[in-house]
Amino acid sequence: MGEHGIDLAREMLSLKEAIQKDKERYAQLQGEHKSLQARLKEDFGVMSIKEGEKRVQKLEKDVDKINELMEEKLKEARGLLGEEGV
């Protein structure tokens, strides 16, 4: 094997090592992803960030409705107490 063949073999070995490192990193990231998904499910009852964002939007609407209802009830209570200007 000439010098060109040795260089080619080294390059192939280098590529093989790089591929192996990438495979290991991919496996690590998959594990982290599964762990984060489990945490989302456990802590917030959702399986994805998108699902979580939808849930937050719904909760914000619910909070707005509750605030409106509270304002209405407060006005009613003030009216009953004759404190409309308070």
N, C-alpha and C. Protein backbone atom coordinates (compact mmCIF):
# COMPACT_ATOMS: atom_id res chain seq x y z
N MET A 1 0.85 -1.16 0.00
CA MET A 1 0.00 0.00 0.00
C MET A 1 0.90 1.23 0.00
N GLY A 2 0.67 2.12 -0.94
CA GLY A 2 1.49 3.32 -1.03
C GLY A 2 1.03 4.40 -0.07
N GLU A 3 1.71 5.53 -0.14
CA GLU A 3 1.39 6.64 0.76
C GLU A 3 -0.06 7.10 0.57
N HIS A 4 -0.53 7.09 -0.66
CA HIS A 4 -1.91 7.49 -0.94
C HIS A 4 -2.89 6.54 -0.26
N GLY A 5 -2.56 5.27 -0.29
CA GLY A 5 -3.41 4.25 0.34
C GLY A 5 -3.44 4.42 1.85
N ILE A 6 -2.31 4.76 2.45
CA ILE A 6 -2.23 4.97 3.89
C ILE A 6 -3.07 6.20 4.27
N ASP A 7 -2.96 7.28 3.49
CA ASP A 7 -3.75 8.48 3.75
C ASP A 7 -5.25 8.19 3.65
N LEU A 8 -5.62 7.39 2.66
CA LEU A 8 -7.02 7.02 2.47
C LEU A 8 -7.51 6.19 3.66
N ALA A 9 -6.68 5.27 4.12
CA ALA A 9 -7.05 4.44 5.26
C ALA A 9 -7.21 5.30 6.52
N ARG A 10 -6.32 6.26 6.72
CA ARG A 10 -6.42 7.16 7.87
C ARG A 10 -7.70 8.00 7.80
N GLU A 11 -8.00 8.48 6.62
CA GLU A 11 -9.20 9.29 6.44
C GLU A 11 -10.45 8.46 6.72
N MET A 12 -10.45 7.23 6.24
CA MET A 12 -11.59 6.34 6.48
C MET A 12 -11.74 6.04 7.97
N LEU A 13 -10.63 5.79 8.66
CA LEU A 13 -10.66 5.54 10.09
C LEU A 13 -11.16 6.78 10.84
N SER A 14 -10.72 7.95 10.41
CA SER A 14 -11.16 9.20 11.02
C SER A 14 -12.67 9.38 10.83
N LEU A 15 -13.15 9.10 9.62
CA LEU A 15 -14.58 9.20 9.34
C LEU A 15 -15.38 8.20 10.18
N LYS A 16 -14.85 7.00 10.31
CA LYS A 16 -15.52 5.96 11.10
C LYS A 16 -15.63 6.42 12.56
N GLU A 17 -14.58 7.01 13.10
CA GLU A 17 -14.59 7.50 14.47
C GLU A 17 -15.59 8.65 14.63
N ALA A 18 -15.63 9.54 13.65
CA ALA A 18 -16.56 10.66 13.69
C ALA A 18 -18.00 10.17 13.66
N ILE A 19 -18.26 9.18 12.82
CA ILE A 19 -19.61 8.60 12.73
C ILE A 19 -19.99 7.95 14.05
N GLN A 20 -19.06 7.24 14.67
CA GLN A 20 -19.33 6.59 15.95
C GLN A 20 -19.65 7.64 17.03
N LYS A 21 -18.89 8.73 17.06
CA LYS A 21 -19.15 9.81 18.03
C LYS A 21 -20.52 10.42 17.79
N ASP A 22 -20.87 10.62 16.52
CA ASP A 22 -22.19 11.18 16.19
C ASP A 22 -23.31 10.24 16.61
N LYS A 23 -23.12 8.94 16.43
CA LYS A 23 -24.11 7.96 16.86
C LYS A 23 -24.30 8.01 18.37
N GLU A 24 -23.19 8.11 19.10
CA GLU A 24 -23.27 8.18 20.56
C GLU A 24 -23.98 9.46 21.00
N ARG A 25 -23.66 10.58 20.36
CA ARG A 25 -24.30 11.85 20.69
C ARG A 25 -25.79 11.80 20.38
N TYR A 26 -26.14 11.18 19.27
CA TYR A 26 -27.55 11.03 18.88
C TYR A 26 -28.30 10.21 19.93
N ALA A 27 -27.71 9.12 20.37
CA ALA A 27 -28.33 8.28 21.40
C ALA A 27 -28.51 9.07 22.70
N GLN A 28 -27.51 9.86 23.05
CA GLN A 28 -27.59 10.69 24.26
C GLN A 28 -28.72 11.70 24.13
N LEU A 29 -28.83 12.35 22.99
CA LEU A 29 -29.88 13.34 22.78
C LEU A 29 -31.26 12.70 22.78
N GLN A 30 -31.37 11.50 22.23
CA GLN A 30 -32.65 10.78 22.26
C GLN A 30 -33.06 10.51 23.71
N GLY A 31 -32.11 10.11 24.53
CA GLY A 31 -32.40 9.85 25.94
C GLY A 31 -32.85 11.11 26.65
N GLU A 32 -32.17 12.22 26.39
CA GLU A 32 -32.55 13.49 27.00
C GLU A 32 -33.94 13.91 26.54
N HIS A 33 -34.23 13.72 25.26
CA HIS A 33 -35.54 14.06 24.71
C HIS A 33 -36.64 13.26 25.41
N LYS A 34 -36.44 11.97 25.56
CA LYS A 34 -37.43 11.12 26.24
C LYS A 34 -37.60 11.56 27.68
N SER A 35 -36.51 11.90 28.32
CA SER A 35 -36.57 12.35 29.70
C SER A 35 -37.37 13.64 29.83
N LEU A 36 -37.14 14.58 28.91
CA LEU A 36 -37.86 15.85 28.94
C LEU A 36 -39.34 15.65 28.62
N GLN A 37 -39.65 14.73 27.71
CA GLN A 37 -41.05 14.44 27.40
C GLN A 37 -41.75 13.86 28.63
N ALA A 38 -41.08 12.96 29.33
CA ALA A 38 -41.65 12.37 30.53
C ALA A 38 -41.89 13.45 31.59
N ARG A 39 -40.97 14.37 31.69
CA ARG A 39 -41.11 15.46 32.67
C ARG A 39 -42.28 16.38 32.30
N LEU A 40 -42.42 16.69 31.00
CA LEU A 40 -43.56 17.49 30.55
C LEU A 40 -44.87 16.80 30.91
N LYS A 41 -44.92 15.50 30.67
CA LYS A 41 -46.13 14.73 30.95
C LYS A 41 -46.41 14.73 32.45
N GLU A 42 -45.39 14.47 33.24
CA GLU A 42 -45.55 14.37 34.69
C GLU A 42 -45.87 15.72 35.33
N ASP A 43 -45.13 16.75 34.95
CA ASP A 43 -45.28 18.07 35.60
C ASP A 43 -46.47 18.87 35.07
N PHE A 44 -46.76 18.73 33.77
CA PHE A 44 -47.77 19.59 33.17
C PHE A 44 -48.89 18.85 32.44
N GLY A 45 -48.79 17.55 32.32
CA GLY A 45 -49.84 16.78 31.66
C GLY A 45 -49.88 16.94 30.16
N VAL A 46 -48.75 17.32 29.55
CA VAL A 46 -48.68 17.48 28.09
C VAL A 46 -47.50 16.67 27.55
N MET A 47 -47.58 16.36 26.26
CA MET A 47 -46.53 15.53 25.65
C MET A 47 -45.58 16.33 24.76
N SER A 48 -45.91 17.60 24.50
CA SER A 48 -45.03 18.40 23.64
C SER A 48 -45.15 19.86 24.04
N ILE A 49 -44.20 20.65 23.58
CA ILE A 49 -44.23 22.08 23.84
C ILE A 49 -45.44 22.70 23.16
N LYS A 50 -45.73 22.26 21.94
CA LYS A 50 -46.88 22.79 21.20
C LYS A 50 -48.17 22.54 21.98
N GLU A 51 -48.31 21.34 22.50
CA GLU A 51 -49.49 21.00 23.30
C GLU A 51 -49.53 21.86 24.56
N GLY A 52 -48.39 22.11 25.15
CA GLY A 52 -48.30 22.96 26.33
C GLY A 52 -48.70 24.39 26.03
N GLU A 53 -48.27 24.89 24.87
CA GLU A 53 -48.63 26.26 24.48
C GLU A 53 -50.14 26.39 24.29
N LYS A 54 -50.76 25.37 23.69
CA LYS A 54 -52.22 25.39 23.52
C LYS A 54 -52.91 25.39 24.88
N ARG A 55 -52.38 24.61 25.79
CA ARG A 55 -52.97 24.55 27.13
C ARG A 55 -52.84 25.90 27.84
N VAL A 56 -51.70 26.55 27.70
CA VAL A 56 -51.49 27.86 28.31
C VAL A 56 -52.50 28.86 27.74
N GLN A 57 -52.71 28.84 26.42
CA GLN A 57 -53.68 29.75 25.80
C GLN A 57 -55.08 29.54 26.37
N LYS A 58 -55.47 28.28 26.53
CA LYS A 58 -56.78 27.96 27.09
C LYS A 58 -56.87 28.45 28.53
N LEU A 59 -55.83 28.23 29.31
CA LEU A 59 -55.84 28.68 30.70
C LEU A 59 -55.91 30.20 30.79
N GLU A 60 -55.22 30.90 29.89
CA GLU A 60 -55.28 32.35 29.88
C GLU A 60 -56.69 32.84 29.59
N LYS A 61 -57.38 32.18 28.64
CA LYS A 61 -58.76 32.54 28.34
C LYS A 61 -59.65 32.28 29.55
N ASP A 62 -59.42 31.15 30.22
CA ASP A 62 -60.20 30.83 31.42
C ASP A 62 -59.99 31.88 32.51
N VAL A 63 -58.76 32.32 32.69
CA VAL A 63 -58.45 33.34 33.69
C VAL A 63 -59.14 34.65 33.33
N ASP A 64 -59.12 35.02 32.04
CA ASP A 64 -59.80 36.24 31.60
C ASP A 64 -61.29 36.17 31.90
N LYS A 65 -61.91 35.02 31.62
CA LYS A 65 -63.34 34.86 31.90
C LYS A 65 -63.63 34.98 33.39
N ILE A 66 -62.80 34.37 34.21
CA ILE A 66 -62.97 34.44 35.66
C ILE A 66 -62.82 35.88 36.14
N ASN A 67 -61.84 36.59 35.61
CA ASN A 67 -61.66 38.00 35.99
C ASN A 67 -62.87 38.84 35.62
N GLU A 68 -63.42 38.61 34.42
CA GLU A 68 -64.62 39.34 34.00
C GLU A 68 -65.79 39.04 34.93
N LEU A 69 -65.96 37.77 35.27
CA LEU A 69 -67.04 37.37 36.17
C LEU A 69 -66.86 38.01 37.55
N MET A 70 -65.65 38.04 38.03
CA MET A 70 -65.38 38.65 39.33
C MET A 70 -65.70 40.14 39.30
N GLU A 71 -65.35 40.82 38.21
CA GLU A 71 -65.65 42.25 38.07
C GLU A 71 -67.16 42.48 38.09
N GLU A 72 -67.90 41.63 37.36
CA GLU A 72 -69.36 41.75 37.33
C GLU A 72 -69.94 41.55 38.73
N LYS A 73 -69.49 40.54 39.42
CA LYS A 73 -69.99 40.24 40.77
C LYS A 73 -69.64 41.36 41.74
N LEU A 74 -68.47 41.94 41.58
CA LEU A 74 -68.06 43.05 42.44
C LEU A 74 -68.97 44.27 42.20
N LYS A 75 -69.28 44.54 40.94
CA LYS A 75 -70.19 45.65 40.62
C LYS A 75 -71.57 45.39 41.23
N GLU A 76 -72.06 44.14 41.10
CA GLU A 76 -73.35 43.79 41.68
C GLU A 76 -73.33 44.00 43.19
N ALA A 77 -72.27 43.56 43.84
CA ALA A 77 -72.17 43.69 45.29
C ALA A 77 -72.14 45.16 45.70
N ARG A 78 -71.42 45.98 44.97
CA ARG A 78 -71.35 47.40 45.27
C ARG A 78 -72.73 48.05 45.08
N GLY A 79 -73.42 47.61 44.03
CA GLY A 79 -74.77 48.13 43.79
C GLY A 79 -75.71 47.77 44.91
N LEU A 80 -75.63 46.55 45.40
CA LEU A 80 -76.48 46.12 46.51
C LEU A 80 -76.15 46.87 47.79
N LEU A 81 -74.92 47.25 47.94
CA LEU A 81 -74.50 47.96 49.14
C LEU A 81 -74.66 49.47 48.99
N GLY A 82 -75.11 49.90 47.81
CA GLY A 82 -75.29 51.33 47.59
C GLY A 82 -73.98 52.07 47.46
N GLU A 83 -72.94 51.39 47.01
CA GLU A 83 -71.61 51.98 46.90
C GLU A 83 -71.17 52.04 45.44
N GLU A 84 -72.07 52.40 44.58
CA GLU A 84 -71.78 52.40 43.16
C GLU A 84 -70.58 53.30 42.82
N GLY A 85 -70.39 54.35 43.56
CA GLY A 85 -69.29 55.26 43.27
C GLY A 85 -67.97 54.83 43.88
N VAL A 86 -67.92 53.75 44.62
CA VAL A 86 -66.69 53.32 45.32
C VAL A 86 -65.79 52.58 44.39
